[in-house]
């Protein structure tokens, strides 16, 4: 059985860009805790999520929009 990490590494090696991130991947990518992520969601300042069956995915576009909103709030 191939693990998520192995699949992600294979896609990256093949030059296939990531289309989205799980909550865990997003937290690791931004070096934030899952608790802080959920706090941001409760406060309405977290990234938009797309629900796929039982999973939540943050698309690359949603991440970029989240970054833009955070930059505007900081200005």
PDB file of N, CA and C in Angstrom:
ATOM      1  N   UNK A   1       0.838  -1.184   0.000  1.00  0.00           N
ATOM      2  CA  UNK A   1       0.000   0.000   0.000  1.00  0.00           C
ATOM      3  C   UNK A   1       0.886   1.252   0.000  1.00  0.00           C
ATOM      4  N   UNK A   2       0.613   2.165  -0.914  1.00  0.00           N
ATOM      5  CA  UNK A   2       1.391   3.395  -1.039  1.00  0.00           C
ATOM      6  C   UNK A   2       0.807   4.451  -0.110  1.00  0.00           C
ATOM      7  N   UNK A   3       1.681   5.076   0.651  1.00  0.00           N
ATOM      8  CA  UNK A   3       1.250   6.104   1.594  1.00  0.00           C
ATOM      9  C   UNK A   3       1.096   7.445   0.898  1.00  0.00           C
ATOM     10  N   UNK A   4       0.326   8.335   1.535  1.00  0.00           N
ATOM     11  CA  UNK A   4       0.113   9.678   0.989  1.00  0.00           C
ATOM     12  C   UNK A   4       1.427  10.399   0.732  1.00  0.00           C
ATOM     13  N   UNK A   5       2.357  10.273   1.664  1.00  0.00           N
ATOM     14  CA  UNK A   5       3.649  10.951   1.535  1.00  0.00           C
ATOM     15  C   UNK A   5       4.381  10.448   0.298  1.00  0.00           C
ATOM     16  N   UNK A   6       4.328   9.151   0.064  1.00  0.00           N
ATOM     17  CA  UNK A   6       4.996   8.573  -1.108  1.00  0.00           C
ATOM     18  C   UNK A   6       4.327   9.040  -2.398  1.00  0.00           C
ATOM     19  N   UNK A   7       2.992   9.094  -2.396  1.00  0.00           N
ATOM     20  CA  UNK A   7       2.281   9.572  -3.592  1.00  0.00           C
ATOM     21  C   UNK A   7       2.625  11.029  -3.872  1.00  0.00           C
ATOM     22  N   UNK A   8       2.640  11.846  -2.821  1.00  0.00           N
ATOM     23  CA  UNK A   8       2.966  13.270  -2.980  1.00  0.00           C
ATOM     24  C   UNK A   8       4.380  13.444  -3.506  1.00  0.00           C
ATOM     25  N   UNK A   9       5.317  12.653  -2.995  1.00  0.00           N
ATOM     26  CA  UNK A   9       6.708  12.738  -3.454  1.00  0.00           C
ATOM     27  C   UNK A   9       6.818  12.317  -4.918  1.00  0.00           C
ATOM     28  N   UNK A  10       6.085  11.285  -5.301  1.00  0.00           N
ATOM     29  CA  UNK A  10       6.117  10.823  -6.694  1.00  0.00           C
ATOM     30  C   UNK A  10       5.540  11.881  -7.629  1.00  0.00           C
ATOM     31  N   UNK A  11       4.454  12.525  -7.221  1.00  0.00           N
ATOM     32  CA  UNK A  11       3.860  13.582  -8.045  1.00  0.00           C
ATOM     33  C   UNK A  11       4.816  14.763  -8.188  1.00  0.00           C
ATOM     34  N   UNK A  12       5.441  15.153  -7.081  1.00  0.00           N
ATOM     35  CA  UNK A  12       6.393  16.264  -7.118  1.00  0.00           C
ATOM     36  C   UNK A  12       7.573  15.930  -8.015  1.00  0.00           C
ATOM     37  N   UNK A  13       8.077  14.703  -7.909  1.00  0.00           N
ATOM     38  CA  UNK A  13       9.210  14.281  -8.734  1.00  0.00           C
ATOM     39  C   UNK A  13       8.847  14.285 -10.222  1.00  0.00           C
ATOM     40  N   UNK A  14       7.591  13.961 -10.516  1.00  0.00           N
ATOM     41  CA  UNK A  14       7.122  13.947 -11.906  1.00  0.00           C
ATOM     42  C   UNK A  14       6.776  15.346 -12.413  1.00  0.00           C
ATOM     43  N   UNK A  15       6.866  16.345 -11.534  1.00  0.00           N
ATOM     44  CA  UNK A  15       6.573  17.712 -11.951  1.00  0.00           C
ATOM     45  C   UNK A  15       5.094  18.037 -11.978  1.00  0.00           C
ATOM     46  N   UNK A  16       4.273  17.221 -11.326  1.00  0.00           N
ATOM     47  CA  UNK A  16       2.831  17.459 -11.278  1.00  0.00           C
ATOM     48  C   UNK A  16       2.526  18.299 -10.047  1.00  0.00           C
ATOM     49  N   UNK A  17       2.001  19.500 -10.242  1.00  0.00           N
ATOM     50  CA  UNK A  17       1.771  20.387  -9.097  1.00  0.00           C
ATOM     51  C   UNK A  17       0.640  19.884  -8.202  1.00  0.00           C
ATOM     52  N   UNK A  18       0.717  20.233  -6.940  1.00  0.00           N
ATOM     53  CA  UNK A  18      -0.327  19.893  -5.971  1.00  0.00           C
ATOM     54  C   UNK A  18      -1.540  20.767  -6.237  1.00  0.00           C
ATOM     55  N   UNK A  19      -2.720  20.146  -6.262  1.00  0.00           N
ATOM     56  CA  UNK A  19      -3.948  20.894  -6.515  1.00  0.00           C
ATOM     57  C   UNK A  19      -4.637  21.306  -5.221  1.00  0.00           C
ATOM     58  N   UNK A  20      -4.311  20.637  -4.132  1.00  0.00           N
ATOM     59  CA  UNK A  20      -4.950  20.955  -2.869  1.00  0.00           C
ATOM     60  C   UNK A  20      -4.262  20.273  -1.710  1.00  0.00           C
ATOM     61  N   UNK A  21      -4.659  20.662  -0.508  1.00  0.00           N
ATOM     62  CA  UNK A  21      -4.028  20.171   0.708  1.00  0.00           C
ATOM     63  C   UNK A  21      -5.093  19.716   1.691  1.00  0.00           C
ATOM     64  N   UNK A  22      -4.778  18.692   2.462  1.00  0.00           N
ATOM     65  CA  UNK A  22      -5.643  18.326   3.586  1.00  0.00           C
ATOM     66  C   UNK A  22      -5.410  19.353   4.688  1.00  0.00           C
ATOM     67  N   UNK A  23      -6.234  19.308   5.711  1.00  0.00           N
ATOM     68  CA  UNK A  23      -6.024  20.213   6.843  1.00  0.00           C
ATOM     69  C   UNK A  23      -4.643  19.984   7.453  1.00  0.00           C
ATOM     70  N   UNK A  24      -4.275  18.719   7.606  1.00  0.00           N
ATOM     71  CA  UNK A  24      -2.972  18.381   8.189  1.00  0.00           C
ATOM     72  C   UNK A  24      -1.832  18.898   7.327  1.00  0.00           C
ATOM     73  N   UNK A  25      -1.937  18.721   6.014  1.00  0.00           N
ATOM     74  CA  UNK A  25      -0.897  19.211   5.109  1.00  0.00           C
ATOM     75  C   UNK A  25      -0.804  20.728   5.152  1.00  0.00           C
ATOM     76  N   UNK A  26      -1.958  21.395   5.194  1.00  0.00           N
ATOM     77  CA  UNK A  26      -1.970  22.856   5.253  1.00  0.00           C
ATOM     78  C   UNK A  26      -1.283  23.341   6.523  1.00  0.00           C
ATOM     79  N   UNK A  27      -1.602  22.703   7.650  1.00  0.00           N
ATOM     80  CA  UNK A  27      -0.983  23.090   8.924  1.00  0.00           C
ATOM     81  C   UNK A  27       0.530  22.900   8.870  1.00  0.00           C
ATOM     82  N   UNK A  28       0.969  21.774   8.315  1.00  0.00           N
ATOM     83  CA  UNK A  28       2.409  21.524   8.203  1.00  0.00           C
ATOM     84  C   UNK A  28       3.054  22.542   7.271  1.00  0.00           C
ATOM     85  N   UNK A  29       2.373  22.856   6.175  1.00  0.00           N
ATOM     86  CA  UNK A  29       2.902  23.801   5.186  1.00  0.00           C
ATOM     87  C   UNK A  29       3.115  25.181   5.806  1.00  0.00           C
ATOM     88  N   UNK A  30       2.213  25.590   6.715  1.00  0.00           N
ATOM     89  CA  UNK A  30       2.277  26.913   7.315  1.00  0.00           C
ATOM     90  C   UNK A  30       2.822  26.889   8.734  1.00  0.00           C
ATOM     91  N   UNK A  31       3.257  25.732   9.185  1.00  0.00           N
ATOM     92  CA  UNK A  31       3.844  25.567  10.519  1.00  0.00           C
ATOM     93  C   UNK A  31       2.911  26.094  11.610  1.00  0.00           C
ATOM     94  N   UNK A  32       1.637  25.679  11.518  1.00  0.00           N
ATOM     95  CA  UNK A  32       0.661  26.033  12.539  1.00  0.00           C
ATOM     96  C   UNK A  32       0.079  24.742  13.114  1.00  0.00           C
ATOM     97  N   UNK A  33      -0.422  24.819  14.320  1.00  0.00           N
ATOM     98  CA  UNK A  33      -1.001  23.641  14.955  1.00  0.00           C
ATOM     99  C   UNK A  33      -2.427  23.430  14.449  1.00  0.00           C
ATOM    100  N   UNK A  34      -2.915  22.193  14.507  1.00  0.00           N
ATOM    101  CA  UNK A  34      -4.309  21.942  14.142  1.00  0.00           C
ATOM    102  C   UNK A  34      -5.283  22.749  15.007  1.00  0.00           C
ATOM    103  N   UNK A  35      -4.940  22.947  16.278  1.00  0.00           N
ATOM    104  CA  UNK A  35      -5.793  23.746  17.156  1.00  0.00           C
ATOM    105  C   UNK A  35      -5.892  25.192  16.699  1.00  0.00           C
ATOM    106  N   UNK A  36      -4.758  25.768  16.280  1.00  0.00           N
ATOM    107  CA  UNK A  36      -4.764  27.143  15.792  1.00  0.00           C
ATOM    108  C   UNK A  36      -5.548  27.236  14.483  1.00  0.00           C
ATOM    109  N   UNK A  37      -5.402  26.212  13.640  1.00  0.00           N
ATOM    110  CA  UNK A  37      -6.155  26.178  12.377  1.00  0.00           C
ATOM    111  C   UNK A  37      -7.658  26.215  12.674  1.00  0.00           C
ATOM    112  N   UNK A  38      -8.109  25.377  13.603  1.00  0.00           N
ATOM    113  CA  UNK A  38      -9.532  25.342  13.942  1.00  0.00           C
ATOM    114  C   UNK A  38      -9.983  26.660  14.569  1.00  0.00           C
ATOM    115  N   UNK A  39      -9.115  27.302  15.342  1.00  0.00           N
ATOM    116  CA  UNK A  39      -9.430  28.619  15.909  1.00  0.00           C
ATOM    117  C   UNK A  39      -9.639  29.634  14.792  1.00  0.00           C
ATOM    118  N   UNK A  40      -8.763  29.615  13.790  1.00  0.00           N
ATOM    119  CA  UNK A  40      -8.927  30.538  12.654  1.00  0.00           C
ATOM    120  C   UNK A  40     -10.247  30.263  11.946  1.00  0.00           C
ATOM    121  N   UNK A  41     -10.604  28.997  11.775  1.00  0.00           N
ATOM    122  CA  UNK A  41     -11.863  28.658  11.105  1.00  0.00           C
ATOM    123  C   UNK A  41     -13.051  29.181  11.912  1.00  0.00           C
ATOM    124  N   UNK A  42     -13.028  28.987  13.231  1.00  0.00           N
ATOM    125  CA  UNK A  42     -14.123  29.471  14.085  1.00  0.00           C
ATOM    126  C   UNK A  42     -14.266  30.988  14.011  1.00  0.00           C
ATOM    127  N   UNK A  43     -13.130  31.689  13.907  1.00  0.00           N
ATOM    128  CA  UNK A  43     -13.141  33.149  13.845  1.00  0.00           C
ATOM    129  C   UNK A  43     -13.417  33.683  12.441  1.00  0.00           C
ATOM    130  N   UNK A  44     -13.544  32.775  11.476  1.00  0.00           N
ATOM    131  CA  UNK A  44     -13.862  33.185  10.104  1.00  0.00           C
ATOM    132  C   UNK A  44     -12.677  33.730   9.331  1.00  0.00           C
ATOM    133  N   UNK A  45     -11.452  33.450   9.792  1.00  0.00           N
ATOM    134  CA  UNK A  45     -10.274  33.969   9.091  1.00  0.00           C
ATOM    135  C   UNK A  45      -9.411  32.849   8.507  1.00  0.00           C
ATOM    136  N   UNK A  46      -9.917  31.633   8.542  1.00  0.00           N
ATOM    137  CA  UNK A  46      -9.184  30.508   7.960  1.00  0.00           C
ATOM    138  C   UNK A  46      -9.451  30.405   6.469  1.00  0.00           C
ATOM    139  N   UNK A  47      -8.741  29.522   5.782  1.00  0.00           N
ATOM    140  CA  UNK A  47      -8.950  29.356   4.349  1.00  0.00           C
ATOM    141  C   UNK A  47     -10.272  28.644   4.062  1.00  0.00           C
ATOM    142  N   UNK A  48     -10.819  28.896   2.904  1.00  0.00           N
ATOM    143  CA  UNK A  48     -12.019  28.195   2.463  1.00  0.00           C
ATOM    144  C   UNK A  48     -11.685  26.721   2.279  1.00  0.00           C
ATOM    145  N   UNK A  49     -12.609  25.855   2.614  1.00  0.00           N
ATOM    146  CA  UNK A  49     -12.417  24.421   2.451  1.00  0.00           C
ATOM    147  C   UNK A  49     -13.459  23.867   1.487  1.00  0.00           C
ATOM    148  N   UNK A  50     -13.062  22.869   0.736  1.00  0.00           N
ATOM    149  CA  UNK A  50     -13.971  22.148  -0.141  1.00  0.00           C
ATOM    150  C   UNK A  50     -14.153  20.761   0.443  1.00  0.00           C
ATOM    151  N   UNK A  51     -15.388  20.355   0.633  1.00  0.00           N
ATOM    152  CA  UNK A  51     -15.657  19.038   1.205  1.00  0.00           C
ATOM    153  C   UNK A  51     -15.766  18.012   0.082  1.00  0.00           C
ATOM    154  N   UNK A  52     -14.981  16.951   0.201  1.00  0.00           N
ATOM    155  CA  UNK A  52     -15.028  15.826  -0.723  1.00  0.00           C
ATOM    156  C   UNK A  52     -15.356  14.579   0.086  1.00  0.00           C
ATOM    157  N   UNK A  53     -16.627  14.201   0.076  1.00  0.00           N
ATOM    158  CA  UNK A  53     -17.118  13.081   0.895  1.00  0.00           C
ATOM    159  C   UNK A  53     -16.780  13.343   2.355  1.00  0.00           C
ATOM    160  N   UNK A  54     -15.887  12.558   2.920  1.00  0.00           N
ATOM    161  CA  UNK A  54     -15.532  12.692   4.337  1.00  0.00           C
ATOM    162  C   UNK A  54     -14.322  13.602   4.563  1.00  0.00           C
ATOM    163  N   UNK A  55     -13.732  14.111   3.494  1.00  0.00           N
ATOM    164  CA  UNK A  55     -12.500  14.899   3.597  1.00  0.00           C
ATOM    165  C   UNK A  55     -12.760  16.376   3.348  1.00  0.00           C
ATOM    166  N   UNK A  56     -11.854  17.182   3.858  1.00  0.00           N
ATOM    167  CA  UNK A  56     -11.848  18.612   3.568  1.00  0.00           C
ATOM    168  C   UNK A  56     -10.549  18.916   2.836  1.00  0.00           C
ATOM    169  N   UNK A  57     -10.646  19.668   1.751  1.00  0.00           N
ATOM    170  CA  UNK A  57      -9.472  20.014   0.953  1.00  0.00           C
ATOM    171  C   UNK A  57      -9.395  21.522   0.825  1.00  0.00           C
ATOM    172  N   UNK A  58      -8.191  22.041   0.977  1.00  0.00           N
ATOM    173  CA  UNK A  58      -7.929  23.460   0.732  1.00  0.00           C
ATOM    174  C   UNK A  58      -7.207  23.519  -0.605  1.00  0.00           C
ATOM    175  N   UNK A  59      -7.852  24.073  -1.611  1.00  0.00           N
ATOM    176  CA  UNK A  59      -7.227  24.134  -2.931  1.00  0.00           C
ATOM    177  C   UNK A  59      -6.126  25.188  -2.942  1.00  0.00           C
ATOM    178  N   UNK A  60      -5.276  25.109  -3.935  1.00  0.00           N
ATOM    179  CA  UNK A  60      -4.195  26.083  -4.084  1.00  0.00           C
ATOM    180  C   UNK A  60      -4.795  27.485  -4.240  1.00  0.00           C
ATOM    181  N   UNK A  61      -5.887  27.589  -4.989  1.00  0.00           N
ATOM    182  CA  UNK A  61      -6.543  28.889  -5.180  1.00  0.00           C
ATOM    183  C   UNK A  61      -7.110  29.426  -3.860  1.00  0.00           C
ATOM    184  N   UNK A  62      -7.680  28.536  -3.058  1.00  0.00           N
ATOM    185  CA  UNK A  62      -8.205  28.958  -1.754  1.00  0.00           C
ATOM    186  C   UNK A  62      -7.075  29.406  -0.835  1.00  0.00           C
ATOM    187  N   UNK A  63      -5.940  28.732  -0.920  1.00  0.00           N
ATOM    188  CA  UNK A  63      -4.784  29.136  -0.123  1.00  0.00           C
ATOM    189  C   UNK A  63      -4.313  30.530  -0.545  1.00  0.00           C
ATOM    190  N   UNK A  64      -4.257  30.784  -1.845  1.00  0.00           N
ATOM    191  CA  UNK A  64      -3.821  32.090  -2.336  1.00  0.00           C
ATOM    192  C   UNK A  64      -4.785  33.196  -1.910  1.00  0.00           C
ATOM    193  N   UNK A  65      -6.086  32.904  -1.953  1.00  0.00           N
ATOM    194  CA  UNK A  65      -7.092  33.875  -1.513  1.00  0.00           C
ATOM    195  C   UNK A  65      -6.947  34.141  -0.017  1.00  0.00           C
ATOM    196  N   UNK A  66      -6.688  33.104   0.766  1.00  0.00           N
ATOM    197  CA  UNK A  66      -6.476  33.250   2.206  1.00  0.00           C
ATOM    198  C   UNK A  66      -5.261  34.144   2.481  1.00  0.00           C
ATOM    199  N   UNK A  67      -4.175  33.921   1.746  1.00  0.00           N
ATOM    200  CA  UNK A  67      -2.971  34.742   1.900  1.00  0.00           C
ATOM    201  C   UNK A  67      -3.295  36.206   1.605  1.00  0.00           C
ATOM    202  N   UNK A  68      -4.010  36.437   0.507  1.00  0.00           N
ATOM    203  CA  UNK A  68      -4.375  37.800   0.126  1.00  0.00           C
ATOM    204  C   UNK A  68      -5.200  38.471   1.216  1.00  0.00           C
ATOM    205  N   UNK A  69      -6.190  37.763   1.773  1.00  0.00           N
ATOM    206  CA  UNK A  69      -7.026  38.331   2.834  1.00  0.00           C
ATOM    207  C   UNK A  69      -6.211  38.625   4.095  1.00  0.00           C
ATOM    208  N   UNK A  70      -5.276  37.758   4.429  1.00  0.00           N
ATOM    209  CA  UNK A  70      -4.439  37.964   5.616  1.00  0.00           C
ATOM    210  C   UNK A  70      -3.515  39.162   5.410  1.00  0.00           C
ATOM    211  N   UNK A  71      -2.994  39.332   4.181  1.00  0.00           N
ATOM    212  CA  UNK A  71      -2.146  40.489   3.896  1.00  0.00           C
ATOM    213  C   UNK A  71      -2.932  41.778   3.978  1.00  0.00           C
ATOM    214  N   UNK A  72      -4.156  41.775   3.466  1.00  0.00           N
ATOM    215  CA  UNK A  72      -5.003  42.967   3.523  1.00  0.00           C
ATOM    216  C   UNK A  72      -5.345  43.316   4.967  1.00  0.00           C
ATOM    217  N   UNK A  73      -5.610  42.305   5.782  1.00  0.00           N
ATOM    218  CA  UNK A  73      -5.939  42.548   7.189  1.00  0.00           C
ATOM    219  C   UNK A  73      -4.744  43.109   7.955  1.00  0.00           C
ATOM    220  N   UNK A  74      -3.544  42.719   7.546  1.00  0.00           N
ATOM    221  CA  UNK A  74      -2.327  43.180   8.226  1.00  0.00           C
ATOM    222  C   UNK A  74      -1.940  44.602   7.809  1.00  0.00           C
ATOM    223  N   UNK A  75      -2.442  45.038   6.665  1.00  0.00           N
ATOM    224  CA  UNK A  75      -2.051  46.365   6.155  1.00  0.00           C
ATOM    225  C   UNK A  75      -2.763  47.483   6.869  1.00  0.00           C
TER     226      UNK A  75
END
